[in-house]
Amino acid sequence: MAAPAPNGDPLVAPMDGWFLHGKFFFSSGGDSIRIKGLRKRPRASIAFFVSEKLLINAHGPAVLMFRGHPDVGKIDETFKDHYGSSAFDWSDEGVYVRLDADRFFTYSRTPKEFPV
């Protein structure tokens, strides 16, 4: 996942996330450097490995969903079911980020395995 630092520098680091209902989600603490950067410049990019043979890159607006956000319920439930906890359990400033991708690119070393 790539997001801007508060000063605009790019930050790239692995994140555990979900692809749910056509959107990418991940979570963090609201005081993290990545979230501070997204507050100023709310765009991000992700590399999502569907399998060893297929990669999706997605780029677009990042929506910060703090406790009380109207769309946070389903992703919070998904994280609780899978991890046994919620981003809101980790800190008072826990946050989910939804990537509303406006650009997608794919890559495969074996493209014939993924016909159009």
PDB file of N, CA and C in Angstrom:
ATOM      1  N   MET A   1       0.848  -1.166   0.000  1.00  0.00           N
ATOM      2  CA  MET A   1       0.000   0.000   0.000  1.00  0.00           C
ATOM      3  C   MET A   1       0.888   1.221   0.000  1.00  0.00           C
ATOM      4  N   ALA A   2       0.529   2.209  -0.786  1.00  0.00           N
ATOM      5  CA  ALA A   2       1.278   3.464  -0.853  1.00  0.00           C
ATOM      6  C   ALA A   2       0.339   4.620  -0.517  1.00  0.00           C
ATOM      7  N   ALA A   3       0.825   5.489   0.335  1.00  0.00           N
ATOM      8  CA  ALA A   3       0.057   6.670   0.738  1.00  0.00           C
ATOM      9  C   ALA A   3       1.048   7.789   1.006  1.00  0.00           C
ATOM     10  N   PRO A   4       0.583   9.031   0.979  1.00  0.00           N
ATOM     11  CA  PRO A   4       1.497  10.136   1.227  1.00  0.00           C
ATOM     12  C   PRO A   4       1.774  10.333   2.716  1.00  0.00           C
ATOM     13  N   ALA A   5       2.997  10.749   3.017  1.00  0.00           N
ATOM     14  CA  ALA A   5       3.307  11.225   4.366  1.00  0.00           C
ATOM     15  C   ALA A   5       2.720  12.636   4.480  1.00  0.00           C
ATOM     16  N   PRO A   6       2.625  13.184   5.669  1.00  0.00           N
ATOM     17  CA  PRO A   6       2.099  14.541   5.802  1.00  0.00           C
ATOM     18  C   PRO A   6       2.849  15.576   4.961  1.00  0.00           C
ATOM     19  N   ASN A   7       4.139  15.344   4.695  1.00  0.00           N
ATOM     20  CA  ASN A   7       4.895  16.292   3.875  1.00  0.00           C
ATOM     21  C   ASN A   7       4.808  15.978   2.384  1.00  0.00           C
ATOM     22  N   GLY A   8       4.035  14.935   2.019  1.00  0.00           N
ATOM     23  CA  GLY A   8       3.836  14.594   0.619  1.00  0.00           C
ATOM     24  C   GLY A   8       4.730  13.484   0.102  1.00  0.00           C
ATOM     25  N   ASP A   9       5.755  13.101   0.864  1.00  0.00           N
ATOM     26  CA  ASP A   9       6.625  12.007   0.429  1.00  0.00           C
ATOM     27  C   ASP A   9       5.823  10.715   0.330  1.00  0.00           C
ATOM     28  N   PRO A  10       6.126   9.860  -0.652  1.00  0.00           N
ATOM     29  CA  PRO A  10       5.412   8.587  -0.744  1.00  0.00           C
ATOM     30  C   PRO A  10       5.892   7.609   0.324  1.00  0.00           C
ATOM     31  N   LEU A  11       4.960   6.899   0.905  1.00  0.00           N
ATOM     32  CA  LEU A  11       5.257   5.847   1.877  1.00  0.00           C
ATOM     33  C   LEU A  11       4.690   4.540   1.330  1.00  0.00           C
ATOM     34  N   VAL A  12       5.503   3.521   1.281  1.00  0.00           N
ATOM     35  CA  VAL A  12       5.059   2.216   0.795  1.00  0.00           C
ATOM     36  C   VAL A  12       5.378   1.182   1.857  1.00  0.00           C
ATOM     37  N   ALA A  13       4.382   0.377   2.205  1.00  0.00           N
ATOM     38  CA  ALA A  13       4.573  -0.675   3.199  1.00  0.00           C
ATOM     39  C   ALA A  13       3.469  -1.706   3.036  1.00  0.00           C
ATOM     40  N   PRO A  14       3.741  -2.943   3.415  1.00  0.00           N
ATOM     41  CA  PRO A  14       2.678  -3.946   3.341  1.00  0.00           C
ATOM     42  C   PRO A  14       1.588  -3.663   4.374  1.00  0.00           C
ATOM     43  N   MET A  15       0.363  -3.952   3.978  1.00  0.00           N
ATOM     44  CA  MET A  15      -0.789  -3.815   4.870  1.00  0.00           C
ATOM     45  C   MET A  15      -1.647  -5.050   4.674  1.00  0.00           C
ATOM     46  N   ASP A  16      -2.286  -5.479   5.737  1.00  0.00           N
ATOM     47  CA  ASP A  16      -3.254  -6.552   5.628  1.00  0.00           C
ATOM     48  C   ASP A  16      -4.582  -5.901   5.306  1.00  0.00           C
ATOM     49  N   GLY A  17      -5.209  -6.332   4.255  1.00  0.00           N
ATOM     50  CA  GLY A  17      -6.457  -5.696   3.870  1.00  0.00           C
ATOM     51  C   GLY A  17      -7.439  -6.677   3.270  1.00  0.00           C
ATOM     52  N   TRP A  18      -8.566  -6.144   2.859  1.00  0.00           N
ATOM     53  CA  TRP A  18      -9.652  -6.941   2.326  1.00  0.00           C
ATOM     54  C   TRP A  18     -10.177  -6.321   1.043  1.00  0.00           C
ATOM     55  N   PHE A  19     -10.620  -7.162   0.128  1.00  0.00           N
ATOM     56  CA  PHE A  19     -11.363  -6.731  -1.049  1.00  0.00           C
ATOM     57  C   PHE A  19     -12.784  -7.215  -0.810  1.00  0.00           C
ATOM     58  N   LEU A  20     -13.683  -6.282  -0.576  1.00  0.00           N
ATOM     59  CA  LEU A  20     -15.045  -6.616  -0.165  1.00  0.00           C
ATOM     60  C   LEU A  20     -16.028  -5.744  -0.935  1.00  0.00           C
ATOM     61  N   HIS A  21     -16.946  -6.377  -1.642  1.00  0.00           N
ATOM     62  CA  HIS A  21     -17.974  -5.660  -2.406  1.00  0.00           C
ATOM     63  C   HIS A  21     -17.374  -4.626  -3.354  1.00  0.00           C
ATOM     64  N   GLY A  22     -16.282  -5.007  -4.017  1.00  0.00           N
ATOM     65  CA  GLY A  22     -15.676  -4.139  -5.024  1.00  0.00           C
ATOM     66  C   GLY A  22     -14.823  -3.009  -4.483  1.00  0.00           C
ATOM     67  N   LYS A  23     -14.527  -3.021  -3.202  1.00  0.00           N
ATOM     68  CA  LYS A  23     -13.694  -1.982  -2.577  1.00  0.00           C
ATOM     69  C   LYS A  23     -12.563  -2.633  -1.799  1.00  0.00           C
ATOM     70  N   PHE A  24     -11.463  -1.920  -1.678  1.00  0.00           N
ATOM     71  CA  PHE A  24     -10.333  -2.375  -0.874  1.00  0.00           C
ATOM     72  C   PHE A  24     -10.387  -1.674   0.473  1.00  0.00           C
ATOM     73  N   PHE A  25     -10.123  -2.433   1.553  1.00  0.00           N
ATOM     74  CA  PHE A  25     -10.158  -1.896   2.908  1.00  0.00           C
ATOM     75  C   PHE A  25      -8.898  -2.305   3.667  1.00  0.00           C
ATOM     76  N   PHE A  26      -8.436  -1.447   4.533  1.00  0.00           N
ATOM     77  CA  PHE A  26      -7.400  -1.799   5.495  1.00  0.00           C
ATOM     78  C   PHE A  26      -7.621  -0.944   6.729  1.00  0.00           C
ATOM     79  N   SER A  27      -6.891  -1.223   7.790  1.00  0.00           N
ATOM     80  CA  SER A  27      -7.092  -0.495   9.039  1.00  0.00           C
ATOM     81  C   SER A  27      -5.759  -0.025   9.596  1.00  0.00           C
ATOM     82  N   SER A  28      -5.856   0.945  10.492  1.00  0.00           N
ATOM     83  CA  SER A  28      -4.652   1.505  11.107  1.00  0.00           C
ATOM     84  C   SER A  28      -5.070   2.303  12.336  1.00  0.00           C
ATOM     85  N   GLY A  29      -4.094   2.798  13.045  1.00  0.00           N
ATOM     86  CA  GLY A  29      -4.344   3.744  14.124  1.00  0.00           C
ATOM     87  C   GLY A  29      -4.451   5.141  13.530  1.00  0.00           C
ATOM     88  N   GLY A  30      -5.369   5.927  14.027  1.00  0.00           N
ATOM     89  CA  GLY A  30      -5.578   7.269  13.501  1.00  0.00           C
ATOM     90  C   GLY A  30      -4.398   8.197  13.676  1.00  0.00           C
ATOM     91  N   ASP A  31      -3.475   7.847  14.577  1.00  0.00           N
ATOM     92  CA  ASP A  31      -2.304   8.699  14.800  1.00  0.00           C
ATOM     93  C   ASP A  31      -1.087   8.220  14.000  1.00  0.00           C
ATOM     94  N   SER A  32      -1.264   7.212  13.131  1.00  0.00           N
ATOM     95  CA  SER A  32      -0.133   6.716  12.348  1.00  0.00           C
ATOM     96  C   SER A  32       0.265   7.749  11.290  1.00  0.00           C
ATOM     97  N   ILE A  33       1.501   7.700  10.883  1.00  0.00           N
ATOM     98  CA  ILE A  33       2.010   8.650   9.894  1.00  0.00           C
ATOM     99  C   ILE A  33       1.252   8.515   8.578  1.00  0.00           C
ATOM    100  N   ARG A  34       0.890   7.292   8.227  1.00  0.00           N
ATOM    101  CA  ARG A  34       0.151   7.063   6.981  1.00  0.00           C
ATOM    102  C   ARG A  34      -1.221   7.740   7.036  1.00  0.00           C
ATOM    103  N   ILE A  35      -1.929   7.608   8.139  1.00  0.00           N
ATOM    104  CA  ILE A  35      -3.257   8.219   8.259  1.00  0.00           C
ATOM    105  C   ILE A  35      -3.134   9.738   8.318  1.00  0.00           C
ATOM    106  N   LYS A  36      -2.118  10.243   8.983  1.00  0.00           N
ATOM    107  CA  LYS A  36      -1.904  11.694   8.996  1.00  0.00           C
ATOM    108  C   LYS A  36      -1.707  12.223   7.584  1.00  0.00           C
ATOM    109  N   GLY A  37      -0.982  11.463   6.764  1.00  0.00           N
ATOM    110  CA  GLY A  37      -0.795  11.866   5.371  1.00  0.00           C
ATOM    111  C   GLY A  37      -2.083  11.794   4.573  1.00  0.00           C
ATOM    112  N   LEU A  38      -2.873  10.759   4.802  1.00  0.00           N
ATOM    113  CA  LEU A  38      -4.136  10.624   4.075  1.00  0.00           C
ATOM    114  C   LEU A  38      -5.147  11.693   4.472  1.00  0.00           C
ATOM    115  N   ARG A  39      -5.039  12.214   5.688  1.00  0.00           N
ATOM    116  CA  ARG A  39      -5.926  13.323   6.081  1.00  0.00           C
ATOM    117  C   ARG A  39      -5.666  14.551   5.205  1.00  0.00           C
ATOM    118  N   LYS A  40      -4.388  14.764   4.841  1.00  0.00           N
ATOM    119  CA  LYS A  40      -4.027  15.927   4.020  1.00  0.00           C
ATOM    120  C   LYS A  40      -4.209  15.671   2.525  1.00  0.00           C
ATOM    121  N   ARG A  41      -3.861  14.465   2.105  1.00  0.00           N
ATOM    122  CA  ARG A  41      -3.908  14.106   0.684  1.00  0.00           C
ATOM    123  C   ARG A  41      -4.565  12.722   0.584  1.00  0.00           C
ATOM    124  N   PRO A  42      -5.881  12.694   0.490  1.00  0.00           N
ATOM    125  CA  PRO A  42      -6.595  11.416   0.583  1.00  0.00           C
ATOM    126  C   PRO A  42      -6.617  10.589  -0.708  1.00  0.00           C
ATOM    127  N   ARG A  43      -5.445  10.183  -1.161  1.00  0.00           N
ATOM    128  CA  ARG A  43      -5.333   9.264  -2.291  1.00  0.00           C
ATOM    129  C   ARG A  43      -4.303   8.206  -1.931  1.00  0.00           C
ATOM    130  N   ALA A  44      -4.531   6.997  -2.424  1.00  0.00           N
ATOM    131  CA  ALA A  44      -3.621   5.904  -2.117  1.00  0.00           C
ATOM    132  C   ALA A  44      -3.547   4.954  -3.312  1.00  0.00           C
ATOM    133  N   SER A  45      -2.586   4.065  -3.244  1.00  0.00           N
ATOM    134  CA  SER A  45      -2.419   3.015  -4.242  1.00  0.00           C
ATOM    135  C   SER A  45      -2.166   1.705  -3.514  1.00  0.00           C
ATOM    136  N   ILE A  46      -2.660   0.619  -4.094  1.00  0.00           N
ATOM    137  CA  ILE A  46      -2.420  -0.690  -3.494  1.00  0.00           C
ATOM    138  C   ILE A  46      -1.967  -1.665  -4.574  1.00  0.00           C
ATOM    139  N   ALA A  47      -1.246  -2.667  -4.136  1.00  0.00           N
ATOM    140  CA  ALA A  47      -0.920  -3.823  -4.966  1.00  0.00           C
ATOM    141  C   ALA A  47      -1.571  -5.008  -4.269  1.00  0.00           C
ATOM    142  N   PHE A  48      -2.528  -5.631  -4.928  1.00  0.00           N
ATOM    143  CA  PHE A  48      -3.306  -6.716  -4.336  1.00  0.00           C
ATOM    144  C   PHE A  48      -2.987  -7.999  -5.088  1.00  0.00           C
ATOM    145  N   PHE A  49      -2.384  -8.943  -4.393  1.00  0.00           N
ATOM    146  CA  PHE A  49      -2.032 -10.214  -5.004  1.00  0.00           C
ATOM    147  C   PHE A  49      -3.220 -11.158  -4.886  1.00  0.00           C
ATOM    148  N   VAL A  50      -3.897 -11.394  -5.997  1.00  0.00           N
ATOM    149  CA  VAL A  50      -5.032 -12.306  -6.020  1.00  0.00           C
ATOM    150  C   VAL A  50      -4.526 -13.737  -5.866  1.00  0.00           C
ATOM    151  N   SER A  51      -3.400 -14.013  -6.492  1.00  0.00           N
ATOM    152  CA  SER A  51      -2.750 -15.314  -6.410  1.00  0.00           C
ATOM    153  C   SER A  51      -1.284 -15.098  -6.764  1.00  0.00           C
ATOM    154  N   GLU A  52      -0.515 -16.176  -6.807  1.00  0.00           N
ATOM    155  CA  GLU A  52       0.886 -16.046  -7.219  1.00  0.00           C
ATOM    156  C   GLU A  52       0.996 -15.567  -8.657  1.00  0.00           C
ATOM    157  N   LYS A  53      -0.073 -15.725  -9.407  1.00  0.00           N
ATOM    158  CA  LYS A  53      -0.019 -15.437 -10.838  1.00  0.00           C
ATOM    159  C   LYS A  53      -0.783 -14.200 -11.266  1.00  0.00           C
ATOM    160  N   LEU A  54      -1.478 -13.534 -10.351  1.00  0.00           N
ATOM    161  CA  LEU A  54      -2.279 -12.378 -10.738  1.00  0.00           C
ATOM    162  C   LEU A  54      -2.164 -11.263  -9.705  1.00  0.00           C
ATOM    163  N   LEU A  55      -1.844 -10.076 -10.198  1.00  0.00           N
ATOM    164  CA  LEU A  55      -1.698  -8.885  -9.363  1.00  0.00           C
ATOM    165  C   LEU A  55      -2.662  -7.821  -9.863  1.00  0.00           C
ATOM    166  N   ILE A  56      -3.326  -7.143  -8.941  1.00  0.00           N
ATOM    167  CA  ILE A  56      -4.157  -5.989  -9.281  1.00  0.00           C
ATOM    168  C   ILE A  56      -3.551  -4.772  -8.597  1.00  0.00           C
ATOM    169  N   ASN A  57      -3.313  -3.724  -9.369  1.00  0.00           N
ATOM    170  CA  ASN A  57      -2.924  -2.427  -8.812  1.00  0.00           C
ATOM    171  C   ASN A  57      -4.147  -1.533  -8.900  1.00  0.00           C
ATOM    172  N   ALA A  58      -4.447  -0.825  -7.820  1.00  0.00           N
ATOM    173  CA  ALA A  58      -5.591   0.073  -7.794  1.00  0.00           C
ATOM    174  C   ALA A  58      -5.150   1.406  -7.196  1.00  0.00           C
ATOM    175  N   HIS A  59      -5.683   2.483  -7.744  1.00  0.00           N
ATOM    176  CA  HIS A  59      -5.311   3.829  -7.323  1.00  0.00           C
ATOM    177  C   HIS A  59      -6.586   4.664  -7.206  1.00  0.00           C
ATOM    178  N   GLY A  60      -6.651   5.527  -6.186  1.00  0.00           N
ATOM    179  CA  GLY A  60      -7.812   6.395  -6.085  1.00  0.00           C
ATOM    180  C   GLY A  60      -7.970   7.055  -4.737  1.00  0.00           C
ATOM    181  N   PRO A  61      -9.126   7.679  -4.544  1.00  0.00           N
ATOM    182  CA  PRO A  61      -9.411   8.355  -3.281  1.00  0.00           C
ATOM    183  C   PRO A  61      -9.475   7.373  -2.114  1.00  0.00           C
ATOM    184  N   ALA A  62      -8.957   7.801  -0.990  1.00  0.00           N
ATOM    185  CA  ALA A  62      -8.993   7.014   0.242  1.00  0.00           C
ATOM    186  C   ALA A  62      -9.966   7.683   1.210  1.00  0.00           C
ATOM    187  N   VAL A  63     -10.943   6.919   1.648  1.00  0.00           N
ATOM    188  CA  VAL A  63     -11.953   7.425   2.576  1.00  0.00           C
ATOM    189  C   VAL A  63     -11.615   6.916   3.972  1.00  0.00           C
ATOM    190  N   LEU A  64     -11.402   7.825   4.909  1.00  0.00           N
ATOM    191  CA  LEU A  64     -11.118   7.459   6.302  1.00  0.00           C
ATOM    192  C   LEU A  64     -12.441   7.245   7.029  1.00  0.00           C
ATOM    193  N   MET A  65     -12.591   6.061   7.609  1.00  0.00           N
ATOM    194  CA  MET A  65     -13.843   5.711   8.282  1.00  0.00           C
ATOM    195  C   MET A  65     -13.571   5.470   9.761  1.00  0.00           C
ATOM    196  N   PHE A  66     -13.763   6.516  10.543  1.00  0.00           N
ATOM    197  CA  PHE A  66     -13.605   6.428  11.986  1.00  0.00           C
ATOM    198  C   PHE A  66     -14.895   5.879  12.595  1.00  0.00           C
ATOM    199  N   ARG A  67     -14.858   5.582  13.875  1.00  0.00           N
ATOM    200  CA  ARG A  67     -16.046   5.096  14.592  1.00  0.00           C
ATOM    201  C   ARG A  67     -17.213   6.060  14.307  1.00  0.00           C
ATOM    202  N   GLY A  68     -18.362   5.485  13.982  1.00  0.00           N
ATOM    203  CA  GLY A  68     -19.544   6.299  13.697  1.00  0.00           C
ATOM    204  C   GLY A  68     -19.746   6.599  12.219  1.00  0.00           C
ATOM    205  N   HIS A  69     -18.752   6.322  11.374  1.00  0.00           N
ATOM    206  CA  HIS A  69     -18.924   6.543   9.932  1.00  0.00           C
ATOM    207  C   HIS A  69     -20.071   5.653   9.447  1.00  0.00           C
ATOM    208  N   PRO A  70     -20.964   6.161   8.601  1.00  0.00           N
ATOM    209  CA  PRO A  70     -22.139   5.379   8.205  1.00  0.00           C
ATOM    210  C   PRO A  70     -21.829   4.082   7.449  1.00  0.00           C
ATOM    211  N   ASP A  71     -20.655   3.962   6.838  1.00  0.00           N
ATOM    212  CA  ASP A  71     -20.319   2.769   6.057  1.00  0.00           C
ATOM    213  C   ASP A  71     -19.373   1.804   6.767  1.00  0.00           C
ATOM    214  N   VAL A  72     -19.097   2.010   8.033  1.00  0.00           N
ATOM    215  CA  VAL A  72     -18.064   1.229   8.714  1.00  0.00           C
ATOM    216  C   VAL A  72     -18.564  -0.130   9.229  1.00  0.00           C
ATOM    217  N   GLY A  73     -19.852  -0.314   9.345  1.00  0.00           N
ATOM    218  CA  GLY A  73     -20.396  -1.507   9.988  1.00  0.00           C
ATOM    219  C   GLY A  73     -19.957  -2.832   9.388  1.00  0.00           C
ATOM    220  N   LYS A  74     -20.072  -3.000   8.083  1.00  0.00           N
ATOM    221  CA  LYS A  74     -19.771  -4.284   7.449  1.00  0.00           C
ATOM    222  C   LYS A  74     -18.282  -4.610   7.538  1.00  0.00           C
ATOM    223  N   ILE A  75     -17.416  -3.643   7.296  1.00  0.00           N
ATOM    224  CA  ILE A  75     -15.974  -3.940   7.347  1.00  0.00           C
ATOM    225  C   ILE A  75     -15.541  -4.187   8.787  1.00  0.00           C
ATOM    226  N   ASP A  76     -16.100  -3.471   9.743  1.00  0.00           N
ATOM    227  CA  ASP A  76     -15.772  -3.708  11.146  1.00  0.00           C
ATOM    228  C   ASP A  76     -16.191  -5.121  11.547  1.00  0.00           C
ATOM    229  N   GLU A  77     -17.354  -5.547  11.098  1.00  0.00           N
ATOM    230  CA  GLU A  77     -17.832  -6.904  11.380  1.00  0.00           C
ATOM    231  C   GLU A  77     -16.904  -7.947  10.740  1.00  0.00           C
ATOM    232  N   THR A  78     -16.465  -7.696   9.522  1.00  0.00           N
ATOM    233  CA  THR A  78     -15.564  -8.619   8.824  1.00  0.00           C
ATOM    234  C   THR A  78     -14.240  -8.749   9.562  1.00  0.00           C
ATOM    235  N   PHE A  79     -13.668  -7.631   9.985  1.00  0.00           N
ATOM    236  CA  PHE A  79     -12.405  -7.671  10.728  1.00  0.00           C
ATOM    237  C   PHE A  79     -12.583  -8.410  12.053  1.00  0.00           C
ATOM    238  N   LYS A  80     -13.670  -8.146  12.770  1.00  0.00           N
ATOM    239  CA  LYS A  80     -13.913  -8.826  14.046  1.00  0.00           C
ATOM    240  C   LYS A  80     -14.039 -10.332  13.846  1.00  0.00           C
ATOM    241  N   ASP A  81     -14.778 -10.736  12.804  1.00  0.00           N
ATOM    242  CA  ASP A  81     -14.960 -12.164  12.536  1.00  0.00           C
ATOM    243  C   ASP A  81     -13.639 -12.843  12.201  1.00  0.00           C
ATOM    244  N   HIS A  82     -12.786 -12.174  11.456  1.00  0.00           N
ATOM    245  CA  HIS A  82     -11.535 -12.793  11.018  1.00  0.00           C
ATOM    246  C   HIS A  82     -10.418 -12.690  12.067  1.00  0.00           C
ATOM    247  N   TYR A  83     -10.246 -11.498  12.636  1.00  0.00           N
ATOM    248  CA  TYR A  83      -9.119 -11.250  13.551  1.00  0.00           C
ATOM    249  C   TYR A  83      -9.482 -11.392  15.027  1.00  0.00           C
ATOM    250  N   GLY A  84     -10.776 -11.382  15.321  1.00  0.00           N
ATOM    251  CA  GLY A  84     -11.192 -11.440  16.708  1.00  0.00           C
ATOM    252  C   GLY A  84     -11.171 -10.094  17.398  1.00  0.00           C
ATOM    253  N   SER A  85     -10.902  -9.032  16.623  1.00  0.00           N
ATOM    254  CA  SER A  85     -10.914  -7.680  17.180  1.00  0.00           C
ATOM    255  C   SER A  85     -11.215  -6.683  16.071  1.00  0.00           C
ATOM    256  N   SER A  86     -11.416  -5.473  16.486  1.00  0.00           N
ATOM    257  CA  SER A  86     -11.782  -4.384  15.599  1.00  0.00           C
ATOM    258  C   SER A  86     -10.679  -3.330  15.618  1.00  0.00           C
ATOM    259  N   ALA A  87     -10.579  -2.539  14.578  1.00  0.00           N
ATOM    260  CA  ALA A  87      -9.637  -1.417  14.589  1.00  0.00           C
ATOM    261  C   ALA A  87      -9.949  -0.482  15.752  1.00  0.00           C
ATOM    262  N   PHE A  88     -11.189  -0.451  16.163  1.00  0.00           N
ATOM    263  CA  PHE A  88     -11.592   0.418  17.265  1.00  0.00           C
ATOM    264  C   PHE A  88     -11.186  -0.136  18.626  1.00  0.00           C
ATOM    265  N   ASP A  89     -10.799  -1.410  18.670  1.00  0.00           N
ATOM    266  CA  ASP A  89     -10.301  -2.003  19.908  1.00  0.00           C
ATOM    267  C   ASP A  89      -8.836  -1.649  20.148  1.00  0.00           C
ATOM    268  N   TRP A  90      -8.104  -1.313  19.095  1.00  0.00           N
ATOM    269  CA  TRP A  90      -6.657  -1.097  19.191  1.00  0.00           C
ATOM    270  C   TRP A  90      -6.307   0.250  19.798  1.00  0.00           C
ATOM    271  N   SER A  91      -7.119   1.251  19.479  1.00  0.00           N
ATOM    272  CA  SER A  91      -6.862   2.582  20.020  1.00  0.00           C
ATOM    273  C   SER A  91      -8.135   3.408  19.912  1.00  0.00           C
ATOM    274  N   ASP A  92      -8.178   4.522  20.613  1.00  0.00           N
ATOM    275  CA  ASP A  92      -9.332   5.410  20.529  1.00  0.00           C
ATOM    276  C   ASP A  92      -9.470   5.999  19.133  1.00  0.00           C
ATOM    277  N   GLU A  93      -8.372   6.027  18.404  1.00  0.00           N
ATOM    278  CA  GLU A  93      -8.353   6.618  17.068  1.00  0.00           C
ATOM    279  C   GLU A  93      -8.264   5.564  15.975  1.00  0.00           C
ATOM    280  N   GLY A  94      -8.730   4.345  16.234  1.00  0.00           N
ATOM    281  CA  GLY A  94      -8.707   3.325  15.201  1.00  0.00           C
ATOM    282  C   GLY A  94      -9.489   3.783  13.981  1.00  0.00           C
ATOM    283  N   VAL A  95      -9.046   3.374  12.803  1.00  0.00           N
ATOM    284  CA  VAL A  95      -9.686   3.826  11.571  1.00  0.00           C
ATOM    285  C   VAL A  95      -9.601   2.730  10.513  1.00  0.00           C
ATOM    286  N   TYR A  96     -10.654   2.629   9.726  1.00  0.00           N
ATOM    287  CA  TYR A  96     -10.630   1.813   8.518  1.00  0.00           C
ATOM    288  C   TYR A  96     -10.464   2.760   7.343  1.00  0.00           C
ATOM    289  N   VAL A  97      -9.758   2.305   6.344  1.00  0.00           N
ATOM    290  CA  VAL A  97      -9.579   3.093   5.131  1.00  0.00           C
ATOM    291  C   VAL A  97     -10.200   2.306   3.986  1.00  0.00           C
ATOM    292  N   ARG A  98     -11.045   2.978   3.221  1.00  0.00           N
ATOM    293  CA  ARG A  98     -11.648   2.377   2.035  1.00  0.00           C
ATOM    294  C   ARG A  98     -11.039   3.051   0.816  1.00  0.00           C
ATOM    295  N   LEU A  99     -10.486   2.256  -0.069  1.00  0.00           N
ATOM    296  CA  LEU A  99      -9.936   2.793  -1.311  1.00  0.00           C
ATOM    297  C   LEU A  99     -11.031   2.743  -2.366  1.00  0.00           C
ATOM    298  N   ASP A 100     -11.499   3.900  -2.782  1.00  0.00           N
ATOM    299  CA  ASP A 100     -12.493   4.007  -3.854  1.00  0.00           C
ATOM    300  C   ASP A 100     -11.741   4.161  -5.168  1.00  0.00           C
ATOM    301  N   ALA A 101     -11.175   3.069  -5.629  1.00  0.00           N
ATOM    302  CA  ALA A 101     -10.264   3.101  -6.781  1.00  0.00           C
ATOM    303  C   ALA A 101     -10.940   3.651  -8.028  1.00  0.00           C
ATOM    304  N   ASP A 102     -10.229   4.531  -8.709  1.00  0.00           N
ATOM    305  CA  ASP A 102     -10.711   5.045  -9.989  1.00  0.00           C
ATOM    306  C   ASP A 102      -9.837   4.563 -11.153  1.00  0.00           C
ATOM    307  N   ARG A 103      -8.756   3.845 -10.836  1.00  0.00           N
ATOM    308  CA  ARG A 103      -7.897   3.245 -11.862  1.00  0.00           C
ATOM    309  C   ARG A 103      -7.445   1.872 -11.386  1.00  0.00           C
ATOM    310  N   PHE A 104      -7.514   0.905 -12.288  1.00  0.00           N
ATOM    311  CA  PHE A 104      -7.072  -0.461 -12.013  1.00  0.00           C
ATOM    312  C   PHE A 104      -6.128  -0.905 -13.126  1.00  0.00           C
ATOM    313  N   PHE A 105      -5.109  -1.637 -12.743  1.00  0.00           N
ATOM    314  CA  PHE A 105      -4.194  -2.245 -13.698  1.00  0.00           C
ATOM    315  C   PHE A 105      -3.937  -3.670 -13.221  1.00  0.00           C
ATOM    316  N   THR A 106      -3.785  -4.586 -14.148  1.00  0.00           N
ATOM    317  CA  THR A 106      -3.502  -5.964 -13.777  1.00  0.00           C
ATOM    318  C   THR A 106      -2.187  -6.406 -14.399  1.00  0.00           C
ATOM    319  N   TYR A 107      -1.610  -7.417 -13.801  1.00  0.00           N
ATOM    320  CA  TYR A 107      -0.381  -8.003 -14.321  1.00  0.00           C
ATOM    321  C   TYR A 107      -0.401  -9.496 -14.018  1.00  0.00           C
ATOM    322  N   SER A 108       0.050 -10.257 -15.001  1.00  0.00           N
ATOM    323  CA  SER A 108       0.230 -11.681 -14.791  1.00  0.00           C
ATOM    324  C   SER A 108       1.419 -12.152 -15.603  1.00  0.00           C
ATOM    325  N   ARG A 109       2.207 -13.024 -15.000  1.00  0.00           N
ATOM    326  CA  ARG A 109       3.304 -13.648 -15.749  1.00  0.00           C
ATOM    327  C   ARG A 109       2.761 -14.690 -16.713  1.00  0.00           C
ATOM    328  N   THR A 110       1.528 -15.107 -16.487  1.00  0.00           N
ATOM    329  CA  THR A 110       0.897 -16.138 -17.313  1.00  0.00           C
ATOM    330  C   THR A 110      -0.470 -15.628 -17.788  1.00  0.00           C
ATOM    331  N   PRO A 111      -0.521 -14.612 -18.624  1.00  0.00           N
ATOM    332  CA  PRO A 111      -1.808 -13.993 -19.004  1.00  0.00           C
ATOM    333  C   PRO A 111      -2.759 -14.939 -19.715  1.00  0.00           C
ATOM    334  N   LYS A 112      -2.268 -15.955 -20.381  1.00  0.00           N
ATOM    335  CA  LYS A 112      -3.160 -16.884 -21.073  1.00  0.00           C
ATOM    336  C   LYS A 112      -4.039 -17.679 -20.105  1.00  0.00           C
ATOM    337  N   GLU A 113      -3.654 -17.696 -18.835  1.00  0.00           N
ATOM    338  CA  GLU A 113      -4.463 -18.381 -17.807  1.00  0.00           C
ATOM    339  C   GLU A 113      -5.663 -17.525 -17.377  1.00  0.00           C
ATOM    340  N   PHE A 114      -5.699 -16.263 -17.809  1.00  0.00           N
ATOM    341  CA  PHE A 114      -6.775 -15.341 -17.433  1.00  0.00           C
ATOM    342  C   PHE A 114      -7.391 -14.720 -18.679  1.00  0.00           C
ATOM    343  N   PRO A 115      -8.130 -15.518 -19.445  1.00  0.00           N
ATOM    344  CA  PRO A 115      -8.710 -14.988 -20.691  1.00  0.00           C
ATOM    345  C   PRO A 115      -9.718 -13.882 -20.397  1.00  0.00           C
ATOM    346  N   VAL A 116      -9.850 -12.991 -21.339  1.00  0.00           N
ATOM    347  CA  VAL A 116     -10.757 -11.850 -21.200  1.00  0.00           C
ATOM    348  C   VAL A 116     -12.202 -12.289 -21.265  1.00  0.00           C
TER     349      VAL A 116
END
